[in-house]
PDB file of N, CA and C in Angstrom:
ATOM      1  N   MET A   1     -40.311  -9.402  44.411  1.00  0.00           N
ATOM      2  CA  MET A   1     -38.941  -8.955  44.465  1.00  0.00           C
ATOM      3  C   MET A   1     -38.076  -9.710  43.460  1.00  0.00           C
ATOM      4  N   TYR A   2     -38.290 -10.948  43.255  1.00  0.00           N
ATOM      5  CA  TYR A   2     -37.500 -11.756  42.346  1.00  0.00           C
ATOM      6  C   TYR A   2     -37.650 -11.332  40.876  1.00  0.00           C
ATOM      7  N   PRO A   3     -38.870 -11.054  40.347  1.00  0.00           N
ATOM      8  CA  PRO A   3     -38.997 -10.624  38.952  1.00  0.00           C
ATOM      9  C   PRO A   3     -38.283  -9.305  38.662  1.00  0.00           C
ATOM     10  N   ILE A   4     -38.228  -8.398  39.611  1.00  0.00           N
ATOM     11  CA  ILE A   4     -37.530  -7.126  39.395  1.00  0.00           C
ATOM     12  C   ILE A   4     -36.035  -7.376  39.252  1.00  0.00           C
ATOM     13  N   PHE A   5     -35.490  -8.241  40.077  1.00  0.00           N
ATOM     14  CA  PHE A   5     -34.069  -8.582  40.001  1.00  0.00           C
ATOM     15  C   PHE A   5     -33.750  -9.222  38.653  1.00  0.00           C
ATOM     16  N   LEU A   6     -34.602 -10.111  38.163  1.00  0.00           N
ATOM     17  CA  LEU A   6     -34.395 -10.774  36.881  1.00  0.00           C
ATOM     18  C   LEU A   6     -34.437  -9.771  35.736  1.00  0.00           C
ATOM     19  N   GLU A   7     -35.337  -8.797  35.791  1.00  0.00           N
ATOM     20  CA  GLU A   7     -35.441  -7.771  34.758  1.00  0.00           C
ATOM     21  C   GLU A   7     -34.181  -6.898  34.731  1.00  0.00           C
ATOM     22  N   ALA A   8     -33.646  -6.542  35.861  1.00  0.00           N
ATOM     23  CA  ALA A   8     -32.432  -5.721  35.944  1.00  0.00           C
ATOM     24  C   ALA A   8     -31.236  -6.484  35.393  1.00  0.00           C
ATOM     25  N   ALA A   9     -31.144  -7.764  35.646  1.00  0.00           N
ATOM     26  CA  ALA A   9     -30.039  -8.586  35.149  1.00  0.00           C
ATOM     27  C   ALA A   9     -30.106  -8.707  33.628  1.00  0.00           C
ATOM     28  N   THR A  10     -31.279  -8.850  33.052  1.00  0.00           N
ATOM     29  CA  THR A  10     -31.442  -8.953  31.610  1.00  0.00           C
ATOM     30  C   THR A  10     -31.052  -7.650  30.935  1.00  0.00           C
ATOM     31  N   THR A  11     -31.424  -6.527  31.479  1.00  0.00           N
ATOM     32  CA  THR A  11     -31.069  -5.227  30.931  1.00  0.00           C
ATOM     33  C   THR A  11     -29.563  -5.013  30.976  1.00  0.00           C
ATOM     34  N   SER A  12     -28.937  -5.414  32.058  1.00  0.00           N
ATOM     35  CA  SER A  12     -27.493  -5.280  32.209  1.00  0.00           C
ATOM     36  C   SER A  12     -26.769  -6.162  31.189  1.00  0.00           C
ATOM     37  N   THR A  13     -27.239  -7.365  30.967  1.00  0.00           N
ATOM     38  CA  THR A  13     -26.635  -8.278  30.004  1.00  0.00           C
ATOM     39  C   THR A  13     -26.764  -7.738  28.590  1.00  0.00           C
ATOM     40  N   THR A  14     -27.899  -7.175  28.239  1.00  0.00           N
ATOM     41  CA  THR A  14     -28.116  -6.599  26.921  1.00  0.00           C
ATOM     42  C   THR A  14     -27.201  -5.405  26.695  1.00  0.00           C
ATOM     43  N   ALA A  15     -27.025  -4.573  27.696  1.00  0.00           N
ATOM     44  CA  ALA A  15     -26.139  -3.414  27.572  1.00  0.00           C
ATOM     45  C   ALA A  15     -24.691  -3.867  27.399  1.00  0.00           C
ATOM     46  N   GLY A  16     -24.301  -4.891  28.134  1.00  0.00           N
ATOM     47  CA  GLY A  16     -22.940  -5.427  28.013  1.00  0.00           C
ATOM     48  C   GLY A  16     -22.693  -6.025  26.639  1.00  0.00           C
ATOM     49  N   LEU A  17     -23.671  -6.729  26.110  1.00  0.00           N
ATOM     50  CA  LEU A  17     -23.559  -7.330  24.785  1.00  0.00           C
ATOM     51  C   LEU A  17     -23.465  -6.252  23.707  1.00  0.00           C
ATOM     52  N   THR A  18     -24.246  -5.203  23.839  1.00  0.00           N
ATOM     53  CA  THR A  18     -24.211  -4.102  22.877  1.00  0.00           C
ATOM     54  C   THR A  18     -22.857  -3.402  22.882  1.00  0.00           C
ATOM     55  N   SER A  19     -22.318  -3.140  24.043  1.00  0.00           N
ATOM     56  CA  SER A  19     -21.023  -2.460  24.103  1.00  0.00           C
ATOM     57  C   SER A  19     -19.912  -3.353  23.564  1.00  0.00           C
ATOM     58  N   THR A  20     -19.987  -4.653  23.794  1.00  0.00           N
ATOM     59  CA  THR A  20     -19.007  -5.584  23.242  1.00  0.00           C
ATOM     60  C   THR A  20     -19.088  -5.622  21.727  1.00  0.00           C
ATOM     61  N   LEU A  21     -20.289  -5.636  21.199  1.00  0.00           N
ATOM     62  CA  LEU A  21     -20.489  -5.653  19.750  1.00  0.00           C
ATOM     63  C   LEU A  21     -19.952  -4.378  19.107  1.00  0.00           C
ATOM     64  N   ILE A  22     -20.203  -3.252  19.727  1.00  0.00           N
ATOM     65  CA  ILE A  22     -19.696  -1.971  19.208  1.00  0.00           C
ATOM     66  C   ILE A  22     -18.164  -1.956  19.225  1.00  0.00           C
ATOM     67  N   THR A  23     -17.563  -2.500  20.283  1.00  0.00           N
ATOM     68  CA  THR A  23     -16.106  -2.564  20.373  1.00  0.00           C
ATOM     69  C   THR A  23     -15.514  -3.436  19.271  1.00  0.00           C
ATOM     70  N   VAL A  24     -16.106  -4.581  19.002  1.00  0.00           N
ATOM     71  CA  VAL A  24     -15.618  -5.480  17.961  1.00  0.00           C
ATOM     72  C   VAL A  24     -15.733  -4.818  16.587  1.00  0.00           C
ATOM     73  N   ILE A  25     -16.836  -4.168  16.321  1.00  0.00           N
ATOM     74  CA  ILE A  25     -17.021  -3.476  15.042  1.00  0.00           C
ATOM     75  C   ILE A  25     -15.994  -2.353  14.895  1.00  0.00           C
ATOM     76  N   ALA A  26     -15.744  -1.624  15.970  1.00  0.00           N
ATOM     77  CA  ALA A  26     -14.741  -0.550  15.923  1.00  0.00           C
ATOM     78  C   ALA A  26     -13.351  -1.111  15.648  1.00  0.00           C
ATOM     79  N   LEU A  27     -13.002  -2.240  16.239  1.00  0.00           N
ATOM     80  CA  LEU A  27     -11.694  -2.859  15.998  1.00  0.00           C
ATOM     81  C   LEU A  27     -11.548  -3.289  14.542  1.00  0.00           C
ATOM     82  N   PHE A  28     -12.596  -3.871  13.962  1.00  0.00           N
ATOM     83  CA  PHE A  28     -12.548  -4.258  12.555  1.00  0.00           C
ATOM     84  C   PHE A  28     -12.397  -3.030  11.648  1.00  0.00           C
ATOM     85  N   ALA A  29     -13.077  -1.947  11.979  1.00  0.00           N
ATOM     86  CA  ALA A  29     -12.960  -0.723  11.182  1.00  0.00           C
ATOM     87  C   ALA A  29     -11.549  -0.159  11.259  1.00  0.00           C
ATOM     88  N   ILE A  30     -10.974  -0.148  12.441  1.00  0.00           N
ATOM     89  CA  ILE A  30      -9.599   0.346  12.597  1.00  0.00           C
ATOM     90  C   ILE A  30      -8.629  -0.546  11.831  1.00  0.00           C
ATOM     91  N   MET A  31      -8.798  -1.860  11.916  1.00  0.00           N
ATOM     92  CA  MET A  31      -7.935  -2.788  11.203  1.00  0.00           C
ATOM     93  C   MET A  31      -8.050  -2.579   9.691  1.00  0.00           C
ATOM     94  N   TYR A  32      -9.244  -2.338   9.198  1.00  0.00           N
ATOM     95  CA  TYR A  32      -9.437  -2.108   7.771  1.00  0.00           C
ATOM     96  C   TYR A  32      -8.673  -0.869   7.317  1.00  0.00           C
ATOM     97  N   PHE A  33      -8.811   0.233   8.038  1.00  0.00           N
ATOM     98  CA  PHE A  33      -8.186   1.476   7.613  1.00  0.00           C
ATOM     99  C   PHE A  33      -6.680   1.498   7.835  1.00  0.00           C
ATOM    100  N   LEU A  34      -6.162   0.717   8.770  1.00  0.00           N
ATOM    101  CA  LEU A  34      -4.726   0.723   9.034  1.00  0.00           C
ATOM    102  C   LEU A  34      -3.964  -0.384   8.324  1.00  0.00           C
ATOM    103  N   MET A  35      -4.634  -1.475   7.949  1.00  0.00           N
ATOM    104  CA  MET A  35      -3.918  -2.603   7.365  1.00  0.00           C
ATOM    105  C   MET A  35      -4.412  -2.992   5.972  1.00  0.00           C
ATOM    106  N   ILE A  36      -5.675  -3.240   5.831  1.00  0.00           N
ATOM    107  CA  ILE A  36      -6.201  -3.801   4.587  1.00  0.00           C
ATOM    108  C   ILE A  36      -6.227  -2.771   3.468  1.00  0.00           C
ATOM    109  N   ARG A  37      -6.730  -1.591   3.737  1.00  0.00           N
ATOM    110  CA  ARG A  37      -6.851  -0.562   2.703  1.00  0.00           C
ATOM    111  C   ARG A  37      -5.494  -0.136   2.128  1.00  0.00           C
ATOM    112  N   PRO A  38      -4.468   0.146   2.955  1.00  0.00           N
ATOM    113  CA  PRO A  38      -3.163   0.502   2.387  1.00  0.00           C
ATOM    114  C   PRO A  38      -2.540  -0.631   1.564  1.00  0.00           C
ATOM    115  N   GLN A  39      -2.737  -1.884   1.982  1.00  0.00           N
ATOM    116  CA  GLN A  39      -2.184  -3.008   1.223  1.00  0.00           C
ATOM    117  C   GLN A  39      -2.859  -3.136  -0.131  1.00  0.00           C
ATOM    118  N   LYS A  40      -4.165  -2.936  -0.193  1.00  0.00           N
ATOM    119  CA  LYS A  40      -4.873  -2.984  -1.476  1.00  0.00           C
ATOM    120  C   LYS A  40      -4.390  -1.869  -2.395  1.00  0.00           C
ATOM    121  N   LYS A  41      -4.137  -0.687  -1.837  1.00  0.00           N
ATOM    122  CA  LYS A  41      -3.644   0.440  -2.623  1.00  0.00           C
ATOM    123  C   LYS A  41      -2.257   0.125  -3.184  1.00  0.00           C
ATOM    124  N   LYS A  42      -1.401  -0.470  -2.376  1.00  0.00           N
ATOM    125  CA  LYS A  42      -0.054  -0.836  -2.820  1.00  0.00           C
ATOM    126  C   LYS A  42      -0.114  -1.905  -3.910  1.00  0.00           C
ATOM    127  N   ASP A  43      -0.979  -2.908  -3.741  1.00  0.00           N
ATOM    128  CA  ASP A  43      -1.144  -3.954  -4.752  1.00  0.00           C
ATOM    129  C   ASP A  43      -1.631  -3.382  -6.077  1.00  0.00           C
ATOM    130  N   LYS A  44      -2.525  -2.414  -6.027  1.00  0.00           N
ATOM    131  CA  LYS A  44      -3.032  -1.777  -7.242  1.00  0.00           C
ATOM    132  C   LYS A  44      -1.922  -1.008  -7.945  1.00  0.00           C
ATOM    133  N   GLN A  45      -1.074  -0.302  -7.182  1.00  0.00           N
ATOM    134  CA  GLN A  45       0.040   0.434  -7.779  1.00  0.00           C
ATOM    135  C   GLN A  45       1.028  -0.528  -8.445  1.00  0.00           C
ATOM    136  N   LEU A  46       1.320  -1.666  -7.806  1.00  0.00           N
ATOM    137  CA  LEU A  46       2.219  -2.656  -8.402  1.00  0.00           C
ATOM    138  C   LEU A  46       1.634  -3.232  -9.688  1.00  0.00           C
ATOM    139  N   ALA A  47       0.346  -3.527  -9.681  1.00  0.00           N
ATOM    140  CA  ALA A  47      -0.301  -4.071 -10.882  1.00  0.00           C
ATOM    141  C   ALA A  47      -0.270  -3.046 -12.015  1.00  0.00           C
ATOM    142  N   ASP A  48      -0.526  -1.778 -11.710  1.00  0.00           N
ATOM    143  CA  ASP A  48      -0.468  -0.735 -12.736  1.00  0.00           C
ATOM    144  C   ASP A  48       0.942  -0.595 -13.297  1.00  0.00           C
ATOM    145  N   MET A  49       1.960  -0.667 -12.428  1.00  0.00           N
ATOM    146  CA  MET A  49       3.353  -0.566 -12.868  1.00  0.00           C
ATOM    147  C   MET A  49       3.704  -1.723 -13.803  1.00  0.00           C
ATOM    148  N   ARG A  50       3.294  -2.921 -13.440  1.00  0.00           N
ATOM    149  CA  ARG A  50       3.614  -4.097 -14.259  1.00  0.00           C
ATOM    150  C   ARG A  50       2.867  -4.074 -15.583  1.00  0.00           C
ATOM    151  N   ASN A  51       1.658  -3.537 -15.601  1.00  0.00           N
ATOM    152  CA  ASN A  51       0.894  -3.468 -16.842  1.00  0.00           C
ATOM    153  C   ASN A  51       1.402  -2.360 -17.760  1.00  0.00           C
ATOM    154  N   ALA A  52       2.143  -1.397 -17.215  1.00  0.00           N
ATOM    155  CA  ALA A  52       2.660  -0.284 -18.013  1.00  0.00           C
ATOM    156  C   ALA A  52       4.066  -0.547 -18.550  1.00  0.00           C
ATOM    157  N   LEU A  53       4.547  -1.773 -18.457  1.00  0.00           N
ATOM    158  CA  LEU A  53       5.879  -2.101 -18.965  1.00  0.00           C
ATOM    159  C   LEU A  53       5.955  -1.878 -20.470  1.00  0.00           C
ATOM    160  N   ASP A  54       7.085  -1.365 -20.928  1.00  0.00           N
ATOM    161  CA  ASP A  54       7.349  -1.190 -22.355  1.00  0.00           C
ATOM    162  C   ASP A  54       8.688  -1.821 -22.684  1.00  0.00           C
ATOM    163  N   ILE A  55       8.882  -2.128 -23.942  1.00  0.00           N
ATOM    164  CA  ILE A  55      10.167  -2.659 -24.392  1.00  0.00           C
ATOM    165  C   ILE A  55      11.224  -1.578 -24.203  1.00  0.00           C
ATOM    166  N   GLY A  56      12.361  -1.977 -23.630  1.00  0.00           N
ATOM    167  CA  GLY A  56      13.450  -1.054 -23.364  1.00  0.00           C
ATOM    168  C   GLY A  56      13.500  -0.555 -21.935  1.00  0.00           C
ATOM    169  N   ASP A  57      12.474  -0.789 -21.153  1.00  0.00           N
ATOM    170  CA  ASP A  57      12.471  -0.373 -19.747  1.00  0.00           C
ATOM    171  C   ASP A  57      13.451  -1.223 -18.954  1.00  0.00           C
ATOM    172  N   GLY A  58      14.116  -0.603 -18.006  1.00  0.00           N
ATOM    173  CA  GLY A  58      14.976  -1.345 -17.094  1.00  0.00           C
ATOM    174  C   GLY A  58      14.135  -1.904 -15.969  1.00  0.00           C
ATOM    175  N   VAL A  59      14.357  -3.171 -15.612  1.00  0.00           N
ATOM    176  CA  VAL A  59      13.567  -3.801 -14.564  1.00  0.00           C
ATOM    177  C   VAL A  59      14.476  -4.520 -13.577  1.00  0.00           C
ATOM    178  N   THR A  60      13.947  -4.687 -12.370  1.00  0.00           N
ATOM    179  CA  THR A  60      14.566  -5.520 -11.355  1.00  0.00           C
ATOM    180  C   THR A  60      13.523  -6.533 -10.913  1.00  0.00           C
ATOM    181  N   THR A  61      13.910  -7.804 -10.871  1.00  0.00           N
ATOM    182  CA  THR A  61      12.967  -8.845 -10.468  1.00  0.00           C
ATOM    183  C   THR A  61      12.994  -9.015  -8.956  1.00  0.00           C
ATOM    184  N   ILE A  62      12.041  -9.791  -8.443  1.00  0.00           N
ATOM    185  CA  ILE A  62      11.999 -10.039  -7.010  1.00  0.00           C
ATOM    186  C   ILE A  62      13.190 -10.877  -6.566  1.00  0.00           C
ATOM    187  N   GLY A  63      13.871 -11.528  -7.511  1.00  0.00           N
ATOM    188  CA  GLY A  63      15.071 -12.309  -7.201  1.00  0.00           C
ATOM    189  C   GLY A  63      16.343 -11.491  -7.299  1.00  0.00           C
ATOM    190  N   GLY A  64      16.223 -10.215  -7.713  1.00  0.00           N
ATOM    191  CA  GLY A  64      17.381  -9.343  -7.786  1.00  0.00           C
ATOM    192  C   GLY A  64      18.056  -9.285  -9.138  1.00  0.00           C
ATOM    193  N   ILE A  65      17.489  -9.907 -10.148  1.00  0.00           N
ATOM    194  CA  ILE A  65      18.065  -9.871 -11.491  1.00  0.00           C
ATOM    195  C   ILE A  65      17.687  -8.554 -12.147  1.00  0.00           C
ATOM    196  N   VAL A  66      18.704  -7.874 -12.731  1.00  0.00           N
ATOM    197  CA  VAL A  66      18.506  -6.567 -13.351  1.00  0.00           C
ATOM    198  C   VAL A  66      18.709  -6.724 -14.849  1.00  0.00           C
ATOM    199  N   GLY A  67      17.836  -6.107 -15.641  1.00  0.00           N
ATOM    200  CA  GLY A  67      17.968  -6.189 -17.091  1.00  0.00           C
ATOM    201  C   GLY A  67      17.029  -5.234 -17.791  1.00  0.00           C
ATOM    202  N   ARG A  68      16.978  -5.351 -19.116  1.00  0.00           N
ATOM    203  CA  ARG A  68      16.107  -4.537 -19.967  1.00  0.00           C
ATOM    204  C   ARG A  68      15.056  -5.429 -20.612  1.00  0.00           C
ATOM    205  N   VAL A  69      13.847  -4.923 -20.725  1.00  0.00           N
ATOM    206  CA  VAL A  69      12.747  -5.661 -21.341  1.00  0.00           C
ATOM    207  C   VAL A  69      12.972  -5.703 -22.847  1.00  0.00           C
ATOM    208  N   VAL A  70      12.937  -6.923 -23.432  1.00  0.00           N
ATOM    209  CA  VAL A  70      13.086  -7.065 -24.884  1.00  0.00           C
ATOM    210  C   VAL A  70      11.839  -7.634 -25.542  1.00  0.00           C
ATOM    211  N   ALA A  71      10.958  -8.255 -24.766  1.00  0.00           N
ATOM    212  CA  ALA A  71       9.722  -8.790 -25.335  1.00  0.00           C
ATOM    213  C   ALA A  71       8.653  -8.870 -24.236  1.00  0.00           C
ATOM    214  N   LEU A  72       7.416  -8.634 -24.644  1.00  0.00           N
ATOM    215  CA  LEU A  72       6.275  -8.700 -23.723  1.00  0.00           C
ATOM    216  C   LEU A  72       5.208  -9.617 -24.310  1.00  0.00           C
ATOM    217  N   LYS A  73       4.627 -10.436 -23.459  1.00  0.00           N
ATOM    218  CA  LYS A  73       3.473 -11.241 -23.834  1.00  0.00           C
ATOM    219  C   LYS A  73       2.412 -11.014 -22.777  1.00  0.00           C
ATOM    220  N   ASP A  74       1.336 -11.765 -22.828  1.00  0.00           N
ATOM    221  CA  ASP A  74       0.224 -11.555 -21.893  1.00  0.00           C
ATOM    222  C   ASP A  74       0.670 -11.551 -20.437  1.00  0.00           C
ATOM    223  N   ASP A  75       1.284 -12.627 -19.999  1.00  0.00           N
ATOM    224  CA  ASP A  75       1.676 -12.711 -18.594  1.00  0.00           C
ATOM    225  C   ASP A  75       3.164 -12.976 -18.399  1.00  0.00           C
ATOM    226  N   THR A  76       3.955 -12.865 -19.464  1.00  0.00           N
ATOM    227  CA  THR A  76       5.395 -13.071 -19.340  1.00  0.00           C
ATOM    228  C   THR A  76       6.164 -11.882 -19.903  1.00  0.00           C
ATOM    229  N   VAL A  77       7.386 -11.731 -19.401  1.00  0.00           N
ATOM    230  CA  VAL A  77       8.292 -10.667 -19.826  1.00  0.00           C
ATOM    231  C   VAL A  77       9.637 -11.309 -20.101  1.00  0.00           C
ATOM    232  N   VAL A  78      10.253 -10.985 -21.231  1.00  0.00           N
ATOM    233  CA  VAL A  78      11.606 -11.467 -21.524  1.00  0.00           C
ATOM    234  C   VAL A  78      12.547 -10.301 -21.301  1.00  0.00           C
ATOM    235  N   ILE A  79      13.558 -10.526 -20.425  1.00  0.00           N
ATOM    236  CA  ILE A  79      14.529  -9.471 -20.181  1.00  0.00           C
ATOM    237  C   ILE A  79      15.899  -9.933 -20.654  1.00  0.00           C
ATOM    238  N   GLU A  80      16.707  -8.957 -21.019  1.00  0.00           N
ATOM    239  CA  GLU A  80      18.072  -9.205 -21.470  1.00  0.00           C
ATOM    240  C   GLU A  80      18.992  -8.661 -20.392  1.00  0.00           C
ATOM    241  N   THR A  81      19.926  -9.466 -19.950  1.00  0.00           N
ATOM    242  CA  THR A  81      20.775  -9.069 -18.842  1.00  0.00           C
ATOM    243  C   THR A  81      22.229  -9.416 -19.120  1.00  0.00           C
ATOM    244  N   GLY A  82      23.143  -8.670 -18.545  1.00  0.00           N
ATOM    245  CA  GLY A  82      24.569  -8.956 -18.634  1.00  0.00           C
ATOM    246  C   GLY A  82      25.198  -8.503 -19.938  1.00  0.00           C
ATOM    247  N   THR A  83      26.519  -8.590 -19.974  1.00  0.00           N
ATOM    248  CA  THR A  83      27.256  -8.180 -21.171  1.00  0.00           C
ATOM    249  C   THR A  83      27.123  -9.204 -22.283  1.00  0.00           C
ATOM    250  N   GLU A  84      26.776 -10.440 -21.937  1.00  0.00           N
ATOM    251  CA  GLU A  84      26.601 -11.490 -22.939  1.00  0.00           C
ATOM    252  C   GLU A  84      25.196 -11.504 -23.517  1.00  0.00           C
ATOM    253  N   ARG A  85      24.374 -10.549 -23.077  1.00  0.00           N
ATOM    254  CA  ARG A  85      23.001 -10.383 -23.569  1.00  0.00           C
ATOM    255  C   ARG A  85      22.162 -11.649 -23.402  1.00  0.00           C
ATOM    256  N   THR A  86      22.239 -12.224 -22.233  1.00  0.00           N
ATOM    257  CA  THR A  86      21.458 -13.412 -21.910  1.00  0.00           C
ATOM    258  C   THR A  86      19.996 -13.022 -21.758  1.00  0.00           C
ATOM    259  N   ARG A  87      19.115 -13.789 -22.376  1.00  0.00           N
ATOM    260  CA  ARG A  87      17.676 -13.513 -22.296  1.00  0.00           C
ATOM    261  C   ARG A  87      17.014 -14.505 -21.349  1.00  0.00           C
ATOM    262  N   ILE A  88      16.194 -13.954 -20.446  1.00  0.00           N
ATOM    263  CA  ILE A  88      15.506 -14.767 -19.455  1.00  0.00           C
ATOM    264  C   ILE A  88      14.031 -14.376 -19.457  1.00  0.00           C
ATOM    265  N   ARG A  89      13.166 -15.382 -19.375  1.00  0.00           N
ATOM    266  CA  ARG A  89      11.730 -15.129 -19.359  1.00  0.00           C
ATOM    267  C   ARG A  89      11.208 -15.204 -17.928  1.00  0.00           C
ATOM    268  N   PHE A  90      10.397 -14.220 -17.545  1.00  0.00           N
ATOM    269  CA  PHE A  90       9.802 -14.143 -16.214  1.00  0.00           C
ATOM    270  C   PHE A  90       8.308 -13.910 -16.333  1.00  0.00           C
ATOM    271  N   LYS A  91       7.585 -14.262 -15.285  1.00  0.00           N
ATOM    272  CA  LYS A  91       6.184 -13.882 -15.171  1.00  0.00           C
ATOM    273  C   LYS A  91       6.121 -12.412 -14.797  1.00  0.00           C
ATOM    274  N   ARG A  92       5.062 -11.728 -15.191  1.00  0.00           N
ATOM    275  CA  ARG A  92       4.929 -10.296 -14.861  1.00  0.00           C
ATOM    276  C   ARG A  92       4.940 -10.043 -13.363  1.00  0.00           C
ATOM    277  N   TRP A  93       4.357 -10.949 -12.580  1.00  0.00           N
ATOM    278  CA  TRP A  93       4.285 -10.730 -11.146  1.00  0.00           C
ATOM    279  C   TRP A  93       5.657 -10.748 -10.492  1.00  0.00           C
ATOM    280  N   ALA A  94       6.696 -11.239 -11.205  1.00  0.00           N
ATOM    281  CA  ALA A  94       8.053 -11.299 -10.647  1.00  0.00           C
ATOM    282  C   ALA A  94       8.809  -9.979 -10.798  1.00  0.00           C
ATOM    283  N   ILE A  95       8.224  -9.009 -11.479  1.00  0.00           N
ATOM    284  CA  ILE A  95       8.874  -7.704 -11.656  1.00  0.00           C
ATOM    285  C   ILE A  95       8.620  -6.876 -10.396  1.00  0.00           C
ATOM    286  N   GLN A  96       9.697  -6.403  -9.770  1.00  0.00           N
ATOM    287  CA  GLN A  96       9.587  -5.642  -8.531  1.00  0.00           C
ATOM    288  C   GLN A  96       9.703  -4.157  -8.767  1.00  0.00           C
ATOM    289  N   ASP A  97      10.573  -3.737  -9.691  1.00  0.00           N
ATOM    290  CA  ASP A  97      10.830  -2.309  -9.893  1.00  0.00           C
ATOM    291  C   ASP A  97      11.051  -2.046 -11.375  1.00  0.00           C
ATOM    292  N   VAL A  98      10.631  -0.873 -11.839  1.00  0.00           N
ATOM    293  CA  VAL A  98      10.780  -0.497 -13.250  1.00  0.00           C
ATOM    294  C   VAL A  98      11.429   0.864 -13.345  1.00  0.00           C
ATOM    295  N   GLU A  99      12.430   0.974 -14.218  1.00  0.00           N
ATOM    296  CA  GLU A  99      13.027   2.266 -14.565  1.00  0.00           C
ATOM    297  C   GLU A  99      12.607   2.561 -15.999  1.00  0.00           C
ATOM    298  N   LYS A 100      11.790   3.569 -16.167  1.00  0.00           N
ATOM    299  CA  LYS A 100      11.273   3.893 -17.496  1.00  0.00           C
ATOM    300  C   LYS A 100      12.381   4.367 -18.411  1.00  0.00           C
ATOM    301  N   LEU A 101      12.284   3.977 -19.675  1.00  0.00           N
ATOM    302  CA  LEU A 101      13.229   4.390 -20.700  1.00  0.00           C
ATOM    303  C   LEU A 101      13.029   5.884 -20.976  1.00  0.00           C
ATOM    304  N   VAL A 102      14.090   6.669 -20.901  1.00  0.00           N
ATOM    305  CA  VAL A 102      14.007   8.104 -21.147  1.00  0.00           C
ATOM    306  C   VAL A 102      14.426   8.358 -22.589  1.00  0.00           C
ATOM    307  N   VAL A 103      13.505   8.921 -23.377  1.00  0.00           N
ATOM    308  CA  VAL A 103      13.770   9.219 -24.789  1.00  0.00           C
ATOM    309  C   VAL A 103      14.029  10.722 -24.906  1.00  0.00           C
ATOM    310  N   GLU A 104      15.197  11.055 -25.452  1.00  0.00           N
ATOM    311  CA  GLU A 104      15.533  12.476 -25.617  1.00  0.00           C
ATOM    312  C   GLU A 104      15.598  12.855 -27.076  1.00  0.00           C
TER     313      GLU A 104
END
């Protein structure tokens, strides 16, 4: 009688472990599709926007400074802002928004 009871307990434990493992995997899959994947897509769009900068584009930095791009280098952007035409150098990652120059 005792070995049968032990066999039933082992089977029950294995089934419980399997269902727990499936639940954890399902939670990770849901987290990936709801959180990680959209953030990666947004980061890729921001990187593409920053790499597509051209001279003359209007930009807004993450600090709220608004100006026009006057020079581009590998990882820096020089913008001109204000009526006094002050030039400020920023890293590309500091650009938050771009208004493309419209040529007519």
